[in-house]
N, C-alpha and C. Protein backbone atom coordinates (compact mmCIF):
# COMPACT_ATOMS: atom_id res chain seq x y z
N MET A 1 44.54 72.63 203.36
CA MET A 1 43.30 72.97 203.50
C MET A 1 42.93 74.72 202.52
N LYS A 2 42.10 73.90 202.13
CA LYS A 2 41.76 74.89 200.74
C LYS A 2 41.60 76.38 201.46
N GLU A 3 41.96 77.14 200.46
CA GLU A 3 41.43 78.93 201.16
C GLU A 3 40.46 79.14 201.94
N TYR A 4 39.50 78.89 201.04
CA TYR A 4 38.16 79.45 201.75
C TYR A 4 37.50 79.02 202.55
N TYR A 5 37.91 78.04 203.06
CA TYR A 5 38.20 76.82 204.23
C TYR A 5 38.64 77.42 205.44
N LYS A 6 39.52 78.68 205.30
CA LYS A 6 40.64 78.80 206.16
C LYS A 6 39.94 79.93 207.10
N SER A 7 39.44 80.09 206.89
CA SER A 7 38.17 81.10 207.37
C SER A 7 37.74 80.83 208.64
N GLU A 8 37.60 81.16 209.92
CA GLU A 8 37.72 80.80 211.46
C GLU A 8 35.82 81.06 210.80
N MET A 9 35.11 82.08 210.52
CA MET A 9 34.57 82.07 210.64
C MET A 9 33.39 80.66 209.23
N VAL A 10 33.81 80.38 208.51
CA VAL A 10 33.26 79.59 207.94
C VAL A 10 33.63 77.55 208.51
N ARG A 11 34.90 78.17 209.37
CA ARG A 11 34.63 77.21 209.81
C ARG A 11 33.75 76.94 210.32
N GLY A 12 33.57 77.63 211.33
CA GLY A 12 32.18 77.53 212.74
C GLY A 12 30.82 77.48 212.08
N GLU A 13 31.13 77.86 211.41
CA GLU A 13 29.54 77.87 210.70
C GLU A 13 29.48 75.88 210.14
N MET A 14 29.76 75.29 209.12
CA MET A 14 30.14 74.67 209.00
C MET A 14 29.67 73.69 210.17
N GLN A 15 30.10 73.80 210.88
CA GLN A 15 30.61 72.75 212.33
C GLN A 15 29.42 72.93 213.14
N GLU A 16 28.84 74.40 212.98
CA GLU A 16 27.20 74.11 213.88
C GLU A 16 26.11 73.51 212.26
N MET A 17 26.00 74.10 211.57
CA MET A 17 25.43 73.16 210.66
C MET A 17 25.67 71.77 210.73
N SER A 18 27.13 71.32 211.39
CA SER A 18 27.18 69.43 210.78
C SER A 18 26.57 69.07 211.76
N GLU A 19 26.63 69.49 213.09
CA GLU A 19 26.33 69.40 214.77
C GLU A 19 23.97 69.61 214.64
N LEU A 20 24.20 70.31 214.02
CA LEU A 20 22.50 70.51 213.79
C LEU A 20 22.17 69.32 212.75
N GLN A 21 22.72 68.55 211.57
CA GLN A 21 22.19 68.06 210.41
C GLN A 21 22.23 66.66 211.64
N GLN A 22 23.73 65.77 212.26
CA GLN A 22 23.39 65.48 213.08
C GLN A 22 22.32 65.14 214.43
N PHE A 23 22.04 66.23 214.63
CA PHE A 23 20.88 66.38 215.92
C PHE A 23 19.21 66.34 214.77
N CYS A 24 19.86 65.98 213.47
CA CYS A 24 18.04 66.34 213.21
C CYS A 24 17.72 64.60 213.08
N LEU A 25 19.68 64.43 212.06
CA LEU A 25 19.16 62.80 211.38
C LEU A 25 18.68 61.75 212.61
N ARG A 26 19.62 61.94 213.17
CA ARG A 26 19.27 61.17 215.46
C ARG A 26 17.51 61.36 215.34
N SER A 27 16.98 62.79 215.37
CA SER A 27 16.09 62.21 215.66
C SER A 27 14.95 61.80 214.47
N ILE A 28 14.96 62.06 214.02
CA ILE A 28 14.49 61.63 212.24
C ILE A 28 13.98 60.89 212.48
N ASN A 29 15.22 59.51 213.24
CA ASN A 29 15.15 57.78 213.02
C ASN A 29 14.11 57.60 213.98
N MET A 30 13.55 58.45 215.00
CA MET A 30 13.11 58.36 215.48
C MET A 30 11.60 58.92 216.26
N PHE A 31 11.89 59.36 215.24
CA PHE A 31 10.41 60.99 215.30
C PHE A 31 9.29 59.80 215.37
N PRO A 32 8.61 58.86 215.40
CA PRO A 32 7.25 58.75 215.87
C PRO A 32 7.42 58.86 217.56
N ALA A 33 8.41 58.06 217.94
CA ALA A 33 9.35 57.84 219.19
C ALA A 33 8.81 59.09 220.26
N LEU A 34 9.32 60.57 219.97
CA LEU A 34 9.54 61.28 220.34
C LEU A 34 8.68 61.24 221.25
N SER A 35 8.55 62.24 222.12
CA SER A 35 7.69 63.25 222.86
C SER A 35 7.44 64.37 222.19
N PRO A 36 6.17 64.85 222.64
CA PRO A 36 5.69 66.44 221.76
C PRO A 36 6.58 67.49 222.47
N GLU A 37 7.51 67.41 223.54
CA GLU A 37 8.15 68.01 223.39
C GLU A 37 9.34 67.72 222.65
N LYS A 38 9.87 67.01 222.82
CA LYS A 38 11.10 66.12 222.03
C LYS A 38 11.05 67.34 220.88
N LYS A 39 9.28 66.26 219.89
CA LYS A 39 9.09 66.67 218.02
C LYS A 39 9.64 68.07 218.34
N LEU A 40 9.04 69.51 218.92
CA LEU A 40 8.86 70.55 218.78
C LEU A 40 10.17 71.06 218.99
N ASP A 41 11.09 70.21 219.49
CA ASP A 41 12.66 70.38 219.56
C ASP A 41 13.43 70.35 218.16
N TYR A 42 12.82 69.05 217.79
CA TYR A 42 13.51 68.81 216.28
C TYR A 42 12.53 70.06 215.49
N PHE A 43 11.55 70.75 215.24
CA PHE A 43 11.35 71.25 214.56
C PHE A 43 12.36 72.97 213.93
N VAL A 44 12.52 73.40 215.52
CA VAL A 44 12.95 74.17 215.92
C VAL A 44 14.65 74.27 216.02
N LYS A 45 15.07 73.01 215.64
CA LYS A 45 16.53 72.67 215.59
C LYS A 45 16.78 71.99 214.09
N LEU A 46 15.36 71.95 212.64
CA LEU A 46 15.29 71.99 211.86
C LEU A 46 15.96 73.41 210.96
N LYS A 47 14.60 74.25 212.03
CA LYS A 47 14.73 75.71 211.18
C LYS A 47 15.98 76.46 211.67
N GLN A 48 16.67 75.83 212.66
CA GLN A 48 17.76 76.91 212.72
C GLN A 48 18.37 76.37 211.84
N LEU A 49 18.96 74.85 210.89
CA LEU A 49 19.84 73.78 210.44
C LEU A 49 19.81 74.82 208.83
N ILE A 50 17.98 75.47 208.20
CA ILE A 50 18.38 76.41 207.15
C ILE A 50 17.90 77.22 207.04
N GLU A 51 18.10 77.90 208.25
CA GLU A 51 18.89 79.40 208.15
C GLU A 51 19.91 79.35 207.75
N LYS A 52 20.66 78.66 208.57
CA LYS A 52 22.06 78.57 208.84
C LYS A 52 22.00 78.14 207.29
N GLN A 53 21.53 77.50 206.51
CA GLN A 53 22.41 76.81 205.11
C GLN A 53 21.78 77.69 204.31
N GLN A 54 21.19 78.86 204.52
CA GLN A 54 20.65 79.49 203.86
C GLN A 54 21.66 80.66 203.72
N ILE A 55 22.15 81.21 205.05
CA ILE A 55 22.78 82.30 205.00
C ILE A 55 24.22 81.60 204.38
N PHE A 56 24.62 80.19 204.45
CA PHE A 56 25.99 80.24 203.96
C PHE A 56 25.68 80.66 202.50
N TYR A 57 24.29 79.75 202.12
CA TYR A 57 24.71 79.20 199.98
C TYR A 57 24.84 80.95 199.56
N ALA A 58 24.18 82.23 200.43
CA ALA A 58 23.89 83.78 200.64
C ALA A 58 25.61 83.81 200.25
N ARG A 59 26.35 83.90 201.09
CA ARG A 59 27.99 84.43 201.51
C ARG A 59 28.62 83.73 200.06
N LEU A 60 28.45 82.20 199.86
CA LEU A 60 29.23 81.56 198.78
C LEU A 60 28.37 82.63 196.77
N LYS A 61 27.17 82.47 197.35
CA LYS A 61 27.01 82.88 196.03
C LYS A 61 28.11 84.39 195.56
N LEU A 62 28.07 85.49 197.56
CA LEU A 62 29.02 86.30 197.56
C LEU A 62 29.75 86.99 196.98
N SER A 63 30.95 85.22 197.24
CA SER A 63 32.17 85.36 197.43
C SER A 63 33.07 84.77 195.68
N ASP A 64 33.87 86.12 195.75
CA ASP A 64 34.34 85.02 193.90
C ASP A 64 35.82 84.11 194.79
N ASP A 65 36.12 83.69 196.33
CA ASP A 65 36.70 82.75 196.05
C ASP A 65 37.25 81.73 194.69
N PRO A 66 37.42 80.99 194.12
CA PRO A 66 37.55 80.20 193.47
C PRO A 66 36.55 78.76 194.05
N ASP A 67 36.92 77.96 195.69
CA ASP A 67 36.65 77.53 196.48
C ASP A 67 35.50 77.59 196.29
N ALA A 68 34.93 78.58 196.79
CA ALA A 68 33.28 78.72 197.34
C ALA A 68 32.40 78.71 196.30
N LYS A 69 32.77 78.88 195.37
CA LYS A 69 32.31 78.89 194.21
C LYS A 69 32.37 77.64 193.01
N MET A 70 33.56 76.24 193.87
CA MET A 70 33.10 75.24 193.55
C MET A 70 31.89 74.53 194.38
N LEU A 71 32.01 74.79 195.47
CA LEU A 71 30.63 74.88 196.54
C LEU A 71 29.43 74.86 196.27
N LEU A 72 29.68 75.78 196.23
CA LEU A 72 28.34 76.39 194.86
C LEU A 72 27.23 75.49 193.95
N GLN A 73 28.79 75.10 193.01
CA GLN A 73 27.90 73.92 192.01
C GLN A 73 28.23 72.59 192.31
N ASN A 74 28.34 72.49 193.76
CA ASN A 74 28.80 71.13 194.10
C ASN A 74 27.09 71.31 194.74
N LEU A 75 26.57 72.08 195.74
CA LEU A 75 25.54 72.25 196.03
C LEU A 75 24.79 72.40 195.01
N ALA A 76 24.29 72.72 193.77
CA ALA A 76 23.20 72.63 192.94
C ALA A 76 23.04 70.91 191.82
N GLN A 77 24.81 70.52 192.17
CA GLN A 77 23.85 69.52 191.76
C GLN A 77 23.29 68.55 192.81
N ALA A 78 23.74 68.55 193.95
CA ALA A 78 23.15 68.09 194.98
C ALA A 78 20.94 68.14 195.12
N ALA A 79 21.18 69.87 194.88
CA ALA A 79 19.86 69.84 195.04
C ALA A 79 19.47 69.21 193.58
N LEU A 80 19.31 69.32 192.83
CA LEU A 80 18.71 68.01 191.38
C LEU A 80 18.72 66.84 191.57
N MET A 81 20.21 66.14 192.53
CA MET A 81 20.14 65.13 192.85
C MET A 81 18.61 64.94 193.19
N PHE A 82 18.59 65.68 194.45
CA PHE A 82 16.83 65.63 195.46
C PHE A 82 16.13 66.20 194.61
N GLY A 83 15.64 66.26 193.72
CA GLY A 83 14.09 66.86 192.72
C GLY A 83 14.40 68.65 192.42
N ALA A 84 15.87 68.79 192.76
CA ALA A 84 14.81 70.63 192.17
C ALA A 84 15.49 70.11 189.95
N GLU A 85 15.00 71.44 189.79
CA GLU A 85 15.23 71.79 188.10
C GLU A 85 16.04 72.25 188.24
N PRO A 86 17.25 72.24 186.83
CA PRO A 86 18.08 73.40 186.75
C PRO A 86 17.96 74.81 187.14
N ASN A 87 17.23 75.47 187.12
CA ASN A 87 16.22 76.43 186.83
C ASN A 87 16.37 77.19 187.91
N ASP A 88 15.41 76.53 189.04
CA ASP A 88 14.46 76.49 190.56
C ASP A 88 15.98 77.55 191.34
N ASP A 89 15.39 78.83 191.69
CA ASP A 89 15.92 79.65 192.88
C ASP A 89 16.01 78.55 193.99
N ILE A 90 17.14 78.72 193.62
CA ILE A 90 17.84 77.57 195.94
C ILE A 90 16.43 78.87 196.82
N ASN A 91 17.29 80.04 196.61
CA ASN A 91 16.33 80.53 197.82
C ASN A 91 14.98 80.65 198.17
N GLN A 92 14.13 79.99 197.00
CA GLN A 92 12.80 79.93 196.97
C GLN A 92 12.81 78.53 197.49
N MET A 93 13.62 77.55 196.98
CA MET A 93 13.16 76.69 197.85
C MET A 93 13.55 76.07 199.09
N PHE A 94 13.90 77.48 200.02
CA PHE A 94 15.15 77.49 201.89
C PHE A 94 13.39 78.54 201.52
N LYS A 95 12.47 78.97 201.06
CA LYS A 95 11.68 79.61 201.14
C LYS A 95 11.09 78.53 201.72
N SER A 96 9.99 77.58 201.11
CA SER A 96 9.49 76.95 200.97
C SER A 96 9.65 75.85 202.37
N LEU A 97 10.75 75.44 202.64
CA LEU A 97 11.41 74.55 203.50
C LEU A 97 10.50 75.24 204.66
N LEU A 98 11.08 76.31 204.91
CA LEU A 98 10.93 77.26 206.02
C LEU A 98 9.21 77.02 206.10
N GLN A 99 8.88 77.48 204.91
CA GLN A 99 7.39 77.30 205.70
C GLN A 99 6.96 75.76 205.95
N LYS A 100 7.15 75.62 205.19
CA LYS A 100 5.98 73.72 205.44
C LYS A 100 7.40 73.15 206.72
N ILE A 101 8.01 74.30 207.72
CA ILE A 101 8.90 73.82 209.15
C ILE A 101 8.07 73.76 209.99
N TYR A 102 7.20 75.79 209.88
CA TYR A 102 6.57 76.70 210.42
C TYR A 102 5.12 75.68 210.83
N VAL A 103 4.80 75.29 209.80
CA VAL A 103 3.45 74.45 209.38
C VAL A 103 3.81 73.27 210.67
N MET A 104 4.42 72.35 210.13
CA MET A 104 5.03 71.19 211.17
C MET A 104 5.15 71.48 213.06
N LYS A 105 6.12 72.37 212.78
CA LYS A 105 5.70 73.22 214.24
C LYS A 105 4.89 73.52 214.68
N SER A 106 3.77 74.42 214.22
CA SER A 106 2.85 74.86 213.94
C SER A 106 2.07 73.33 214.94
N LYS A 107 1.46 72.39 214.54
CA LYS A 107 1.06 71.48 215.77
C LYS A 107 1.22 70.88 216.29
N ALA A 108 2.77 70.66 216.48
CA ALA A 108 3.99 70.34 217.14
C ALA A 108 3.67 71.56 218.79
N GLU A 109 3.47 71.75 218.31
CA GLU A 109 3.12 73.22 219.52
C GLU A 109 1.39 72.98 219.94
N ALA A 110 0.66 72.85 218.99
CA ALA A 110 -0.95 72.03 219.67
C ALA A 110 -0.78 71.12 219.64
N ASP A 111 -0.26 69.88 219.98
CA ASP A 111 0.01 68.63 220.96
C ASP A 111 0.96 69.05 222.47
N VAL A 112 1.95 69.88 222.63
CA VAL A 112 2.27 70.52 223.44
C VAL A 112 1.63 71.19 224.53
N GLY A 113 0.72 71.81 223.57
CA GLY A 113 -0.27 72.72 224.73
C GLY A 113 -1.43 72.69 224.62
């Protein structure tokens, strides 16, 4: 096992993010059929996922571990594949995503209430 991934905290965070990702993927596949309450739950979980990813990214940036640095490079490459520009600020991307989720969650709350 790579050194960075030996940390109990890192493994726990990655497991939580994986579970949230799986929930979000299952939910988005049937999103139109979800009840307003389930849609709201989706946005809550999606927000949690993005926040966890943001924290994980910050920890990677602070780490001197070679495995963390490699993962950071892999994440930057993945962001490029999803449309980011080479000089885009990843933290700004997280903030933008969270703002969009806030708007969609507010609309879902209006449907519930």
